[in-house]
Amino acid sequence: MSEVMDYKSRLSDPASRKFETFSYLPAMKPEQIKKEVEYLVKKGWNPAIEHIEPEHMMSSYWYMWKLPMFGETDVDRILSEAEACHKANPENHVRLIGYDNFSQSQGTSMVIYRGKTV
C-alpha cells in the first residue's frame, strides 16, 4: 500500500492553501480551461462564475459574478464572462461552477484564475 502524502496546506499560510478541484495541480492553461467548460456544457450543467479575495476564500461566501448562465451552451461566451470577471477583479480567485439541475447540486467547481497570495 502506498504512503499518503501531506500537501502542507495551512490556514496560517495563504500561499499554501488548496481549494476546489485541480488545486493541487499547476494552474490550468487556457486550452485546458476550455476543455473543462466544454465538458460542463456537454453534461448539461448550468455555468456560474464566482470570485473572492484570496485572504477570505476559506471564511466567507464567494461573490457571484452576475447570475448563473442557465442553459448557456456557447463555450466562448462562458469563457469571455470568466475572463471579464478576472479582468474586473485581477487580485481575486475566480472559479467556474457547473450546477446540475437533476441532483440540485454542483456537478463541478474549479478555480480557473488564481489571485495573488500573500
PDB file of N, CA and C in Angstrom:
ATOM      1  N   MET A   1       0.839  -1.182   0.000  1.00  0.00           N
ATOM      2  CA  MET A   1       0.000   0.000   0.000  1.00  0.00           C
ATOM      3  C   MET A   1       0.883   1.245   0.000  1.00  0.00           C
ATOM      4  N   SER A   2       0.512   2.249  -0.773  1.00  0.00           N
ATOM      5  CA  SER A   2       1.334   3.447  -0.865  1.00  0.00           C
ATOM      6  C   SER A   2       1.104   4.368   0.324  1.00  0.00           C
ATOM      7  N   GLU A   3       2.071   5.208   0.570  1.00  0.00           N
ATOM      8  CA  GLU A   3       2.013   6.151   1.687  1.00  0.00           C
ATOM      9  C   GLU A   3       1.198   7.380   1.269  1.00  0.00           C
ATOM     10  N   VAL A   4       0.414   7.923   2.198  1.00  0.00           N
ATOM     11  CA  VAL A   4      -0.395   9.107   1.931  1.00  0.00           C
ATOM     12  C   VAL A   4       0.486  10.342   2.090  1.00  0.00           C
ATOM     13  N   MET A   5       0.378  11.273   1.127  1.00  0.00           N
ATOM     14  CA  MET A   5       1.190  12.494   1.166  1.00  0.00           C
ATOM     15  C   MET A   5       0.470  13.603   1.907  1.00  0.00           C
ATOM     16  N   ASP A   6       1.213  14.410   2.648  1.00  0.00           N
ATOM     17  CA  ASP A   6       0.685  15.618   3.269  1.00  0.00           C
ATOM     18  C   ASP A   6       1.007  16.775   2.339  1.00  0.00           C
ATOM     19  N   TYR A   7      -0.019  17.517   1.900  1.00  0.00           N
ATOM     20  CA  TYR A   7       0.199  18.602   0.959  1.00  0.00           C
ATOM     21  C   TYR A   7       0.574  19.919   1.620  1.00  0.00           C
ATOM     22  N   LYS A   8       0.722  19.935   2.941  1.00  0.00           N
ATOM     23  CA  LYS A   8       1.181  21.116   3.674  1.00  0.00           C
ATOM     24  C   LYS A   8       0.312  22.345   3.445  1.00  0.00           C
ATOM     25  N   SER A   9      -0.992  22.171   3.338  1.00  0.00           N
ATOM     26  CA  SER A   9      -1.907  23.287   3.188  1.00  0.00           C
ATOM     27  C   SER A   9      -2.336  23.748   4.577  1.00  0.00           C
ATOM     28  N   ARG A  10      -2.090  25.026   4.876  1.00  0.00           N
ATOM     29  CA  ARG A  10      -2.374  25.552   6.212  1.00  0.00           C
ATOM     30  C   ARG A  10      -3.139  26.866   6.125  1.00  0.00           C
ATOM     31  N   LEU A  11      -4.085  27.061   7.049  1.00  0.00           N
ATOM     32  CA  LEU A  11      -4.812  28.324   7.105  1.00  0.00           C
ATOM     33  C   LEU A  11      -3.876  29.480   7.410  1.00  0.00           C
ATOM     34  N   SER A  12      -2.847  29.229   8.201  1.00  0.00           N
ATOM     35  CA  SER A  12      -1.910  30.289   8.587  1.00  0.00           C
ATOM     36  C   SER A  12      -0.979  30.708   7.449  1.00  0.00           C
ATOM     37  N   ASP A  13      -0.945  29.945   6.375  1.00  0.00           N
ATOM     38  CA  ASP A  13      -0.078  30.242   5.236  1.00  0.00           C
ATOM     39  C   ASP A  13      -0.934  30.320   3.969  1.00  0.00           C
ATOM     40  N   PRO A  14      -1.423  31.536   3.618  1.00  0.00           N
ATOM     41  CA  PRO A  14      -2.309  31.665   2.454  1.00  0.00           C
ATOM     42  C   PRO A  14      -1.725  31.114   1.159  1.00  0.00           C
ATOM     43  N   ALA A  15      -0.414  31.177   0.991  1.00  0.00           N
ATOM     44  CA  ALA A  15       0.196  30.687  -0.240  1.00  0.00           C
ATOM     45  C   ALA A  15       0.108  29.164  -0.366  1.00  0.00           C
ATOM     46  N   SER A  16      -0.087  28.466   0.753  1.00  0.00           N
ATOM     47  CA  SER A  16      -0.121  27.006   0.729  1.00  0.00           C
ATOM     48  C   SER A  16      -1.522  26.430   0.573  1.00  0.00           C
ATOM     49  N   ARG A  17      -2.531  27.253   0.696  1.00  0.00           N
ATOM     50  CA  ARG A  17      -3.909  26.754   0.734  1.00  0.00           C
ATOM     51  C   ARG A  17      -4.322  26.075  -0.556  1.00  0.00           C
ATOM     52  N   LYS A  18      -5.031  24.976  -0.393  1.00  0.00           N
ATOM     53  CA  LYS A  18      -5.566  24.224  -1.523  1.00  0.00           C
ATOM     54  C   LYS A  18      -7.078  24.373  -1.515  1.00  0.00           C
ATOM     55  N   PHE A  19      -7.677  24.434  -2.704  1.00  0.00           N
ATOM     56  CA  PHE A  19      -9.105  24.685  -2.801  1.00  0.00           C
ATOM     57  C   PHE A  19      -9.638  24.159  -4.119  1.00  0.00           C
ATOM     58  N   GLU A  20     -10.830  23.618  -4.067  1.00  0.00           N
ATOM     59  CA  GLU A  20     -11.563  23.183  -5.251  1.00  0.00           C
ATOM     60  C   GLU A  20     -10.830  22.110  -6.064  1.00  0.00           C
ATOM     61  N   THR A  21     -11.504  21.637  -7.092  1.00  0.00           N
ATOM     62  CA  THR A  21     -10.960  20.627  -7.991  1.00  0.00           C
ATOM     63  C   THR A  21      -9.705  21.159  -8.679  1.00  0.00           C
ATOM     64  N   PHE A  22      -8.705  20.352  -8.822  1.00  0.00           N
ATOM     65  CA  PHE A  22      -7.465  20.641  -9.539  1.00  0.00           C
ATOM     66  C   PHE A  22      -6.507  21.572  -8.803  1.00  0.00           C
ATOM     67  N   SER A  23      -6.781  21.985  -7.570  1.00  0.00           N
ATOM     68  CA  SER A  23      -5.910  22.964  -6.920  1.00  0.00           C
ATOM     69  C   SER A  23      -4.548  22.409  -6.554  1.00  0.00           C
ATOM     70  N   TYR A  24      -4.397  21.104  -6.555  1.00  0.00           N
ATOM     71  CA  TYR A  24      -3.101  20.516  -6.240  1.00  0.00           C
ATOM     72  C   TYR A  24      -2.219  20.414  -7.488  1.00  0.00           C
ATOM     73  N   LEU A  25      -2.781  20.793  -8.608  1.00  0.00           N
ATOM     74  CA  LEU A  25      -2.052  20.762  -9.876  1.00  0.00           C
ATOM     75  C   LEU A  25      -1.609  22.175 -10.239  1.00  0.00           C
ATOM     76  N   PRO A  26      -0.687  22.320 -11.168  1.00  0.00           N
ATOM     77  CA  PRO A  26      -0.324  23.664 -11.645  1.00  0.00           C
ATOM     78  C   PRO A  26      -1.547  24.357 -12.245  1.00  0.00           C
ATOM     79  N   ALA A  27      -1.515  25.677 -12.303  1.00  0.00           N
ATOM     80  CA  ALA A  27      -2.618  26.443 -12.887  1.00  0.00           C
ATOM     81  C   ALA A  27      -2.916  25.945 -14.298  1.00  0.00           C
ATOM     82  N   MET A  28      -4.193  25.903 -14.641  1.00  0.00           N
ATOM     83  CA  MET A  28      -4.583  25.413 -15.959  1.00  0.00           C
ATOM     84  C   MET A  28      -4.258  26.424 -17.050  1.00  0.00           C
ATOM     85  N   LYS A  29      -3.899  25.917 -18.193  1.00  0.00           N
ATOM     86  CA  LYS A  29      -3.667  26.745 -19.373  1.00  0.00           C
ATOM     87  C   LYS A  29      -5.022  27.017 -20.025  1.00  0.00           C
ATOM     88  N   PRO A  30      -5.114  28.072 -20.851  1.00  0.00           N
ATOM     89  CA  PRO A  30      -6.396  28.408 -21.489  1.00  0.00           C
ATOM     90  C   PRO A  30      -7.051  27.238 -22.220  1.00  0.00           C
ATOM     91  N   GLU A  31      -6.265  26.431 -22.922  1.00  0.00           N
ATOM     92  CA  GLU A  31      -6.870  25.303 -23.649  1.00  0.00           C
ATOM     93  C   GLU A  31      -7.416  24.238 -22.688  1.00  0.00           C
ATOM     94  N   GLN A  32      -6.810  24.106 -21.508  1.00  0.00           N
ATOM     95  CA  GLN A  32      -7.312  23.157 -20.514  1.00  0.00           C
ATOM     96  C   GLN A  32      -8.615  23.678 -19.895  1.00  0.00           C
ATOM     97  N   ILE A  33      -8.658  24.977 -19.638  1.00  0.00           N
ATOM     98  CA  ILE A  33      -9.892  25.580 -19.112  1.00  0.00           C
ATOM     99  C   ILE A  33     -11.021  25.390 -20.119  1.00  0.00           C
ATOM    100  N   LYS A  34     -10.717  25.599 -21.390  1.00  0.00           N
ATOM    101  CA  LYS A  34     -11.737  25.442 -22.439  1.00  0.00           C
ATOM    102  C   LYS A  34     -12.278  24.015 -22.460  1.00  0.00           C
ATOM    103  N   LYS A  35     -11.404  23.032 -22.308  1.00  0.00           N
ATOM    104  CA  LYS A  35     -11.863  21.635 -22.292  1.00  0.00           C
ATOM    105  C   LYS A  35     -12.778  21.372 -21.099  1.00  0.00           C
ATOM    106  N   GLU A  36     -12.488  21.973 -19.961  1.00  0.00           N
ATOM    107  CA  GLU A  36     -13.346  21.807 -18.780  1.00  0.00           C
ATOM    108  C   GLU A  36     -14.709  22.448 -19.016  1.00  0.00           C
ATOM    109  N   VAL A  37     -14.730  23.608 -19.667  1.00  0.00           N
ATOM    110  CA  VAL A  37     -16.001  24.273 -19.978  1.00  0.00           C
ATOM    111  C   VAL A  37     -16.791  23.435 -20.981  1.00  0.00           C
ATOM    112  N   GLU A  38     -16.112  22.882 -21.958  1.00  0.00           N
ATOM    113  CA  GLU A  38     -16.782  22.003 -22.929  1.00  0.00           C
ATOM    114  C   GLU A  38     -17.408  20.798 -22.231  1.00  0.00           C
ATOM    115  N   TYR A  39     -16.698  20.231 -21.263  1.00  0.00           N
ATOM    116  CA  TYR A  39     -17.223  19.094 -20.502  1.00  0.00           C
ATOM    117  C   TYR A  39     -18.462  19.511 -19.712  1.00  0.00           C
ATOM    118  N   LEU A  40     -18.393  20.659 -19.056  1.00  0.00           N
ATOM    119  CA  LEU A  40     -19.516  21.185 -18.268  1.00  0.00           C
ATOM    120  C   LEU A  40     -20.755  21.339 -19.160  1.00  0.00           C
ATOM    121  N   VAL A  41     -20.563  21.916 -20.344  1.00  0.00           N
ATOM    122  CA  VAL A  41     -21.679  22.118 -21.280  1.00  0.00           C
ATOM    123  C   VAL A  41     -22.209  20.776 -21.781  1.00  0.00           C
ATOM    124  N   LYS A  42     -21.301  19.860 -22.093  1.00  0.00           N
ATOM    125  CA  LYS A  42     -21.701  18.533 -22.587  1.00  0.00           C
ATOM    126  C   LYS A  42     -22.562  17.791 -21.559  1.00  0.00           C
ATOM    127  N   LYS A  43     -22.258  17.980 -20.274  1.00  0.00           N
ATOM    128  CA  LYS A  43     -23.029  17.340 -19.210  1.00  0.00           C
ATOM    129  C   LYS A  43     -24.393  18.005 -18.998  1.00  0.00           C
ATOM    130  N   GLY A  44     -24.609  19.170 -19.609  1.00  0.00           N
ATOM    131  CA  GLY A  44     -25.874  19.879 -19.455  1.00  0.00           C
ATOM    132  C   GLY A  44     -25.948  20.698 -18.174  1.00  0.00           C
ATOM    133  N   TRP A  45     -24.811  20.949 -17.562  1.00  0.00           N
ATOM    134  CA  TRP A  45     -24.772  21.727 -16.321  1.00  0.00           C
ATOM    135  C   TRP A  45     -24.835  23.219 -16.633  1.00  0.00           C
ATOM    136  N   ASN A  46     -25.391  23.984 -15.699  1.00  0.00           N
ATOM    137  CA  ASN A  46     -25.504  25.432 -15.858  1.00  0.00           C
ATOM    138  C   ASN A  46     -24.264  26.105 -15.279  1.00  0.00           C
ATOM    139  N   PRO A  47     -23.527  26.865 -16.093  1.00  0.00           N
ATOM    140  CA  PRO A  47     -22.312  27.508 -15.597  1.00  0.00           C
ATOM    141  C   PRO A  47     -22.608  28.740 -14.751  1.00  0.00           C
ATOM    142  N   ALA A  48     -21.745  28.962 -13.787  1.00  0.00           N
ATOM    143  CA  ALA A  48     -21.786  30.169 -12.961  1.00  0.00           C
ATOM    144  C   ALA A  48     -20.345  30.532 -12.622  1.00  0.00           C
ATOM    145  N   ILE A  49     -20.118  31.818 -12.391  1.00  0.00           N
ATOM    146  CA  ILE A  49     -18.782  32.306 -12.081  1.00  0.00           C
ATOM    147  C   ILE A  49     -18.841  33.057 -10.759  1.00  0.00           C
ATOM    148  N   GLU A  50     -17.858  32.779  -9.905  1.00  0.00           N
ATOM    149  CA  GLU A  50     -17.738  33.455  -8.612  1.00  0.00           C
ATOM    150  C   GLU A  50     -16.297  33.908  -8.427  1.00  0.00           C
ATOM    151  N   HIS A  51     -16.113  34.868  -7.517  1.00  0.00           N
ATOM    152  CA  HIS A  51     -14.764  35.352  -7.225  1.00  0.00           C
ATOM    153  C   HIS A  51     -14.676  35.785  -5.762  1.00  0.00           C
ATOM    154  N   ILE A  52     -13.440  35.841  -5.250  1.00  0.00           N
ATOM    155  CA  ILE A  52     -13.218  36.292  -3.875  1.00  0.00           C
ATOM    156  C   ILE A  52     -11.745  36.646  -3.679  1.00  0.00           C
ATOM    157  N   GLU A  53     -11.490  37.502  -2.699  1.00  0.00           N
ATOM    158  CA  GLU A  53     -10.123  37.842  -2.335  1.00  0.00           C
ATOM    159  C   GLU A  53      -9.473  36.599  -1.726  1.00  0.00           C
ATOM    160  N   PRO A  54      -8.212  36.330  -2.054  1.00  0.00           N
ATOM    161  CA  PRO A  54      -7.555  35.121  -1.538  1.00  0.00           C
ATOM    162  C   PRO A  54      -7.580  34.998  -0.019  1.00  0.00           C
ATOM    163  N   GLU A  55      -7.470  36.118   0.684  1.00  0.00           N
ATOM    164  CA  GLU A  55      -7.437  36.041   2.153  1.00  0.00           C
ATOM    165  C   GLU A  55      -8.786  35.674   2.778  1.00  0.00           C
ATOM    166  N   HIS A  56      -9.860  35.757   1.998  1.00  0.00           N
ATOM    167  CA  HIS A  56     -11.194  35.438   2.532  1.00  0.00           C
ATOM    168  C   HIS A  56     -11.783  34.150   1.968  1.00  0.00           C
ATOM    169  N   MET A  57     -11.037  33.433   1.151  1.00  0.00           N
ATOM    170  CA  MET A  57     -11.614  32.297   0.439  1.00  0.00           C
ATOM    171  C   MET A  57     -12.121  31.187   1.346  1.00  0.00           C
ATOM    172  N   MET A  58     -11.571  31.054   2.542  1.00  0.00           N
ATOM    173  CA  MET A  58     -11.981  29.974   3.436  1.00  0.00           C
ATOM    174  C   MET A  58     -13.018  30.409   4.472  1.00  0.00           C
ATOM    175  N   SER A  59     -13.231  31.710   4.619  1.00  0.00           N
ATOM    176  CA  SER A  59     -14.051  32.159   5.737  1.00  0.00           C
ATOM    177  C   SER A  59     -15.352  32.843   5.342  1.00  0.00           C
ATOM    178  N   SER A  60     -15.656  32.907   4.058  1.00  0.00           N
ATOM    179  CA  SER A  60     -16.911  33.554   3.673  1.00  0.00           C
ATOM    180  C   SER A  60     -17.391  33.026   2.327  1.00  0.00           C
ATOM    181  N   TYR A  61     -18.602  33.430   1.974  1.00  0.00           N
ATOM    182  CA  TYR A  61     -19.145  33.052   0.677  1.00  0.00           C
ATOM    183  C   TYR A  61     -18.432  33.814  -0.425  1.00  0.00           C
ATOM    184  N   TRP A  62     -18.322  33.202  -1.580  1.00  0.00           N
ATOM    185  CA  TRP A  62     -17.715  33.859  -2.731  1.00  0.00           C
ATOM    186  C   TRP A  62     -18.747  34.786  -3.360  1.00  0.00           C
ATOM    187  N   TYR A  63     -18.281  35.851  -4.016  1.00  0.00           N
ATOM    188  CA  TYR A  63     -19.163  36.795  -4.691  1.00  0.00           C
ATOM    189  C   TYR A  63     -19.591  36.213  -6.034  1.00  0.00           C
ATOM    190  N   MET A  64     -20.864  36.331  -6.342  1.00  0.00           N
ATOM    191  CA  MET A  64     -21.363  35.839  -7.619  1.00  0.00           C
ATOM    192  C   MET A  64     -21.091  36.883  -8.697  1.00  0.00           C
ATOM    193  N   TRP A  65     -20.555  36.455  -9.807  1.00  0.00           N
ATOM    194  CA  TRP A  65     -20.363  37.328 -10.967  1.00  0.00           C
ATOM    195  C   TRP A  65     -21.592  37.173 -11.839  1.00  0.00           C
ATOM    196  N   LYS A  66     -22.460  38.119 -11.784  1.00  0.00           N
ATOM    197  CA  LYS A  66     -23.738  38.069 -12.493  1.00  0.00           C
ATOM    198  C   LYS A  66     -24.530  36.842 -12.026  1.00  0.00           C
ATOM    199  N   LEU A  67     -25.620  36.542 -12.691  1.00  0.00           N
ATOM    200  CA  LEU A  67     -26.411  35.365 -12.360  1.00  0.00           C
ATOM    201  C   LEU A  67     -25.831  34.137 -13.065  1.00  0.00           C
ATOM    202  N   PRO A  68     -26.156  32.936 -12.574  1.00  0.00           N
ATOM    203  CA  PRO A  68     -25.718  31.745 -13.322  1.00  0.00           C
ATOM    204  C   PRO A  68     -26.243  31.823 -14.755  1.00  0.00           C
ATOM    205  N   MET A  69     -25.508  31.238 -15.666  1.00  0.00           N
ATOM    206  CA  MET A  69     -25.861  31.294 -17.088  1.00  0.00           C
ATOM    207  C   MET A  69     -26.726  30.088 -17.456  1.00  0.00           C
ATOM    208  N   PHE A  70     -27.957  30.096 -16.986  1.00  0.00           N
ATOM    209  CA  PHE A  70     -28.868  28.981 -17.186  1.00  0.00           C
ATOM    210  C   PHE A  70     -29.043  28.670 -18.665  1.00  0.00           C
ATOM    211  N   GLY A  71     -28.769  27.428 -19.041  1.00  0.00           N
ATOM    212  CA  GLY A  71     -28.972  26.976 -20.407  1.00  0.00           C
ATOM    213  C   GLY A  71     -27.914  27.424 -21.399  1.00  0.00           C
ATOM    214  N   GLU A  72     -26.879  28.118 -20.937  1.00  0.00           N
ATOM    215  CA  GLU A  72     -25.837  28.596 -21.867  1.00  0.00           C
ATOM    216  C   GLU A  72     -25.008  27.422 -22.386  1.00  0.00           C
ATOM    217  N   THR A  73     -24.869  27.343 -23.694  1.00  0.00           N
ATOM    218  CA  THR A  73     -24.085  26.261 -24.298  1.00  0.00           C
ATOM    219  C   THR A  73     -22.930  26.784 -25.143  1.00  0.00           C
ATOM    220  N   ASP A  74     -22.796  28.098 -25.251  1.00  0.00           N
ATOM    221  CA  ASP A  74     -21.714  28.705 -26.028  1.00  0.00           C
ATOM    222  C   ASP A  74     -20.458  28.777 -25.157  1.00  0.00           C
ATOM    223  N   VAL A  75     -19.514  27.898 -25.424  1.00  0.00           N
ATOM    224  CA  VAL A  75     -18.282  27.803 -24.636  1.00  0.00           C
ATOM    225  C   VAL A  75     -17.526  29.126 -24.643  1.00  0.00           C
ATOM    226  N   ASP A  76     -17.455  29.770 -25.798  1.00  0.00           N
ATOM    227  CA  ASP A  76     -16.719  31.035 -25.890  1.00  0.00           C
ATOM    228  C   ASP A  76     -17.372  32.135 -25.052  1.00  0.00           C
ATOM    229  N   ARG A  77     -18.679  32.138 -24.988  1.00  0.00           N
ATOM    230  CA  ARG A  77     -19.380  33.141 -24.162  1.00  0.00           C
ATOM    231  C   ARG A  77     -19.095  32.906 -22.680  1.00  0.00           C
ATOM    232  N   ILE A  78     -19.089  31.667 -22.259  1.00  0.00           N
ATOM    233  CA  ILE A  78     -18.784  31.330 -20.864  1.00  0.00           C
ATOM    234  C   ILE A  78     -17.353  31.750 -20.529  1.00  0.00           C
ATOM    235  N   LEU A  79     -16.426  31.428 -21.426  1.00  0.00           N
ATOM    236  CA  LEU A  79     -15.030  31.803 -21.210  1.00  0.00           C
ATOM    237  C   LEU A  79     -14.848  33.319 -21.179  1.00  0.00           C
ATOM    238  N   SER A  80     -15.576  34.043 -22.026  1.00  0.00           N
ATOM    239  CA  SER A  80     -15.440  35.504 -22.030  1.00  0.00           C
ATOM    240  C   SER A  80     -15.988  36.114 -20.746  1.00  0.00           C
ATOM    241  N   GLU A  81     -17.035  35.538 -20.181  1.00  0.00           N
ATOM    242  CA  GLU A  81     -17.556  36.027 -18.897  1.00  0.00           C
ATOM    243  C   GLU A  81     -16.550  35.767 -17.772  1.00  0.00           C
ATOM    244  N   ALA A  82     -15.928  34.598 -17.795  1.00  0.00           N
ATOM    245  CA  ALA A  82     -14.914  34.283 -16.776  1.00  0.00           C
ATOM    246  C   ALA A  82     -13.732  35.238 -16.891  1.00  0.00           C
ATOM    247  N   GLU A  83     -13.324  35.522 -18.117  1.00  0.00           N
ATOM    248  CA  GLU A  83     -12.217  36.452 -18.337  1.00  0.00           C
ATOM    249  C   GLU A  83     -12.597  37.870 -17.921  1.00  0.00           C
ATOM    250  N   ALA A  84     -13.839  38.273 -18.190  1.00  0.00           N
ATOM    251  CA  ALA A  84     -14.308  39.600 -17.775  1.00  0.00           C
ATOM    252  C   ALA A  84     -14.288  39.722 -16.256  1.00  0.00           C
ATOM    253  N   CYS A  85     -14.687  38.672 -15.567  1.00  0.00           N
ATOM    254  CA  CYS A  85     -14.650  38.666 -14.103  1.00  0.00           C
ATOM    255  C   CYS A  85     -13.211  38.797 -13.617  1.00  0.00           C
ATOM    256  N   HIS A  86     -12.314  38.055 -14.248  1.00  0.00           N
ATOM    257  CA  HIS A  86     -10.899  38.105 -13.870  1.00  0.00           C
ATOM    258  C   HIS A  86     -10.307  39.497 -14.121  1.00  0.00           C
ATOM    259  N   LYS A  87     -10.645  40.104 -15.241  1.00  0.00           N
ATOM    260  CA  LYS A  87     -10.126  41.443 -15.548  1.00  0.00           C
ATOM    261  C   LYS A  87     -10.680  42.485 -14.585  1.00  0.00           C
ATOM    262  N   ALA A  88     -11.937  42.329 -14.177  1.00  0.00           N
ATOM    263  CA  ALA A  88     -12.545  43.277 -13.237  1.00  0.00           C
ATOM    264  C   ALA A  88     -12.041  43.076 -11.809  1.00  0.00           C
ATOM    265  N   ASN A  89     -11.546  41.877 -11.513  1.00  0.00           N
ATOM    266  CA  ASN A  89     -11.075  41.539 -10.164  1.00  0.00           C
ATOM    267  C   ASN A  89      -9.740  40.795 -10.259  1.00  0.00           C
ATOM    268  N   PRO A  90      -8.691  41.462 -10.744  1.00  0.00           N
ATOM    269  CA  PRO A  90      -7.434  40.758 -11.035  1.00  0.00           C
ATOM    270  C   PRO A  90      -6.729  40.167  -9.819  1.00  0.00           C
ATOM    271  N   GLU A  91      -7.019  40.670  -8.638  1.00  0.00           N
ATOM    272  CA  GLU A  91      -6.366  40.164  -7.427  1.00  0.00           C
ATOM    273  C   GLU A  91      -7.109  38.962  -6.830  1.00  0.00           C
ATOM    274  N   ASN A  92      -8.305  38.682  -7.335  1.00  0.00           N
ATOM    275  CA  ASN A  92      -9.164  37.651  -6.746  1.00  0.00           C
ATOM    276  C   ASN A  92      -9.014  36.290  -7.425  1.00  0.00           C
ATOM    277  N   HIS A  93      -9.377  35.256  -6.662  1.00  0.00           N
ATOM    278  CA  HIS A  93      -9.544  33.928  -7.247  1.00  0.00           C
ATOM    279  C   HIS A  93     -10.873  33.951  -8.000  1.00  0.00           C
ATOM    280  N   VAL A  94     -10.914  33.307  -9.149  1.00  0.00           N
ATOM    281  CA  VAL A  94     -12.150  33.196  -9.933  1.00  0.00           C
ATOM    282  C   VAL A  94     -12.416  31.716 -10.138  1.00  0.00           C
ATOM    283  N   ARG A  95     -13.628  31.299  -9.823  1.00  0.00           N
ATOM    284  CA  ARG A  95     -13.954  29.888 -10.028  1.00  0.00           C
ATOM    285  C   ARG A  95     -15.164  29.729 -10.932  1.00  0.00           C
ATOM    286  N   LEU A  96     -15.159  28.608 -11.618  1.00  0.00           N
ATOM    287  CA  LEU A  96     -16.254  28.217 -12.501  1.00  0.00           C
ATOM    288  C   LEU A  96     -17.004  27.074 -11.831  1.00  0.00           C
ATOM    289  N   ILE A  97     -18.310  27.192 -11.805  1.00  0.00           N
ATOM    290  CA  ILE A  97     -19.164  26.173 -11.189  1.00  0.00           C
ATOM    291  C   ILE A  97     -20.108  25.641 -12.258  1.00  0.00           C
ATOM    292  N   GLY A  98     -20.394  24.353 -12.197  1.00  0.00           N
ATOM    293  CA  GLY A  98     -21.393  23.744 -13.064  1.00  0.00           C
ATOM    294  C   GLY A  98     -22.512  23.193 -12.196  1.00  0.00           C
ATOM    295  N   TYR A  99     -23.685  23.812 -12.257  1.00  0.00           N
ATOM    296  CA  TYR A  99     -24.831  23.360 -11.465  1.00  0.00           C
ATOM    297  C   TYR A  99     -25.596  22.278 -12.205  1.00  0.00           C
ATOM    298  N   ASP A 100     -25.841  21.176 -11.535  1.00  0.00           N
ATOM    299  CA  ASP A 100     -26.575  20.047 -12.092  1.00  0.00           C
ATOM    300  C   ASP A 100     -28.045  20.177 -11.709  1.00  0.00           C
ATOM    301  N   ASN A 101     -28.907  20.394 -12.698  1.00  0.00           N
ATOM    302  CA  ASN A 101     -30.348  20.557 -12.450  1.00  0.00           C
ATOM    303  C   ASN A 101     -30.978  19.336 -11.793  1.00  0.00           C
ATOM    304  N   PHE A 102     -30.499  18.157 -12.157  1.00  0.00           N
ATOM    305  CA  PHE A 102     -31.158  16.935 -11.709  1.00  0.00           C
ATOM    306  C   PHE A 102     -30.815  16.587 -10.265  1.00  0.00           C
ATOM    307  N   SER A 103     -29.563  16.725  -9.886  1.00  0.00           N
ATOM    308  CA  SER A 103     -29.195  16.407  -8.499  1.00  0.00           C
ATOM    309  C   SER A 103     -29.332  17.617  -7.581  1.00  0.00           C
ATOM    310  N   GLN A 104     -29.638  18.781  -8.168  1.00  0.00           N
ATOM    311  CA  GLN A 104     -29.791  20.015  -7.397  1.00  0.00           C
ATOM    312  C   GLN A 104     -28.543  20.320  -6.581  1.00  0.00           C
ATOM    313  N   SER A 105     -27.392  20.155  -7.216  1.00  0.00           N
ATOM    314  CA  SER A 105     -26.113  20.408  -6.550  1.00  0.00           C
ATOM    315  C   SER A 105     -25.073  20.831  -7.581  1.00  0.00           C
ATOM    316  N   GLN A 106     -23.882  21.091  -7.098  1.00  0.00           N
ATOM    317  CA  GLN A 106     -22.795  21.423  -8.014  1.00  0.00           C
ATOM    318  C   GLN A 106     -22.261  20.142  -8.633  1.00  0.00           C
ATOM    319  N   GLY A 107     -22.177  20.116  -9.949  1.00  0.00           N
ATOM    320  CA  GLY A 107     -21.569  18.985 -10.630  1.00  0.00           C
ATOM    321  C   GLY A 107     -20.056  19.122 -10.633  1.00  0.00           C
ATOM    322  N   THR A 108     -19.598  20.378 -10.671  1.00  0.00           N
ATOM    323  CA  THR A 108     -18.165  20.657 -10.623  1.00  0.00           C
ATOM    324  C   THR A 108     -17.941  22.068 -10.106  1.00  0.00           C
ATOM    325  N   SER A 109     -16.767  22.288  -9.609  1.00  0.00           N
ATOM    326  CA  SER A 109     -16.352  23.608  -9.149  1.00  0.00           C
ATOM    327  C   SER A 109     -14.839  23.642  -9.219  1.00  0.00           C
ATOM    328  N   MET A 110     -14.299  24.629  -9.913  1.00  0.00           N
ATOM    329  CA  MET A 110     -12.839  24.692 -10.051  1.00  0.00           C
ATOM    330  C   MET A 110     -12.381  26.142 -10.150  1.00  0.00           C
ATOM    331  N   VAL A 111     -11.269  26.436  -9.529  1.00  0.00           N
ATOM    332  CA  VAL A 111     -10.664  27.750  -9.638  1.00  0.00           C
ATOM    333  C   VAL A 111      -9.929  27.806 -10.973  1.00  0.00           C
ATOM    334  N   ILE A 112     -10.314  28.759 -11.813  1.00  0.00           N
ATOM    335  CA  ILE A 112      -9.689  28.854 -13.129  1.00  0.00           C
ATOM    336  C   ILE A 112      -8.714  30.016 -13.230  1.00  0.00           C
ATOM    337  N   TYR A 113      -8.814  30.993 -12.341  1.00  0.00           N
ATOM    338  CA  TYR A 113      -7.840  32.066 -12.235  1.00  0.00           C
ATOM    339  C   TYR A 113      -7.494  32.216 -10.766  1.00  0.00           C
ATOM    340  N   ARG A 114      -6.217  32.201 -10.473  1.00  0.00           N
ATOM    341  CA  ARG A 114      -5.763  32.342  -9.087  1.00  0.00           C
ATOM    342  C   ARG A 114      -5.319  33.778  -8.847  1.00  0.00           C
ATOM    343  N   GLY A 115      -5.793  34.350  -7.732  1.00  0.00           N
ATOM    344  CA  GLY A 115      -5.380  35.687  -7.358  1.00  0.00           C
ATOM    345  C   GLY A 115      -4.015  35.663  -6.699  1.00  0.00           C
ATOM    346  N   LYS A 116      -3.565  36.832  -6.308  1.00  0.00           N
ATOM    347  CA  LYS A 116      -2.278  36.919  -5.622  1.00  0.00           C
ATOM    348  C   LYS A 116      -2.379  36.327  -4.236  1.00  0.00           C
ATOM    349  N   THR A 117      -1.364  35.585  -3.851  1.00  0.00           N
ATOM    350  CA  THR A 117      -1.294  35.070  -2.486  1.00  0.00           C
ATOM    351  C   THR A 117      -0.283  35.888  -1.713  1.00  0.00           C
ATOM    352  N   VAL A 118      -0.544  36.011  -0.442  1.00  0.00           N
ATOM    353  CA  VAL A 118       0.313  36.835   0.417  1.00  0.00           C
ATOM    354  C   VAL A 118       1.654  36.189   0.640  1.00  0.00           C
TER     355      VAL A 118
END
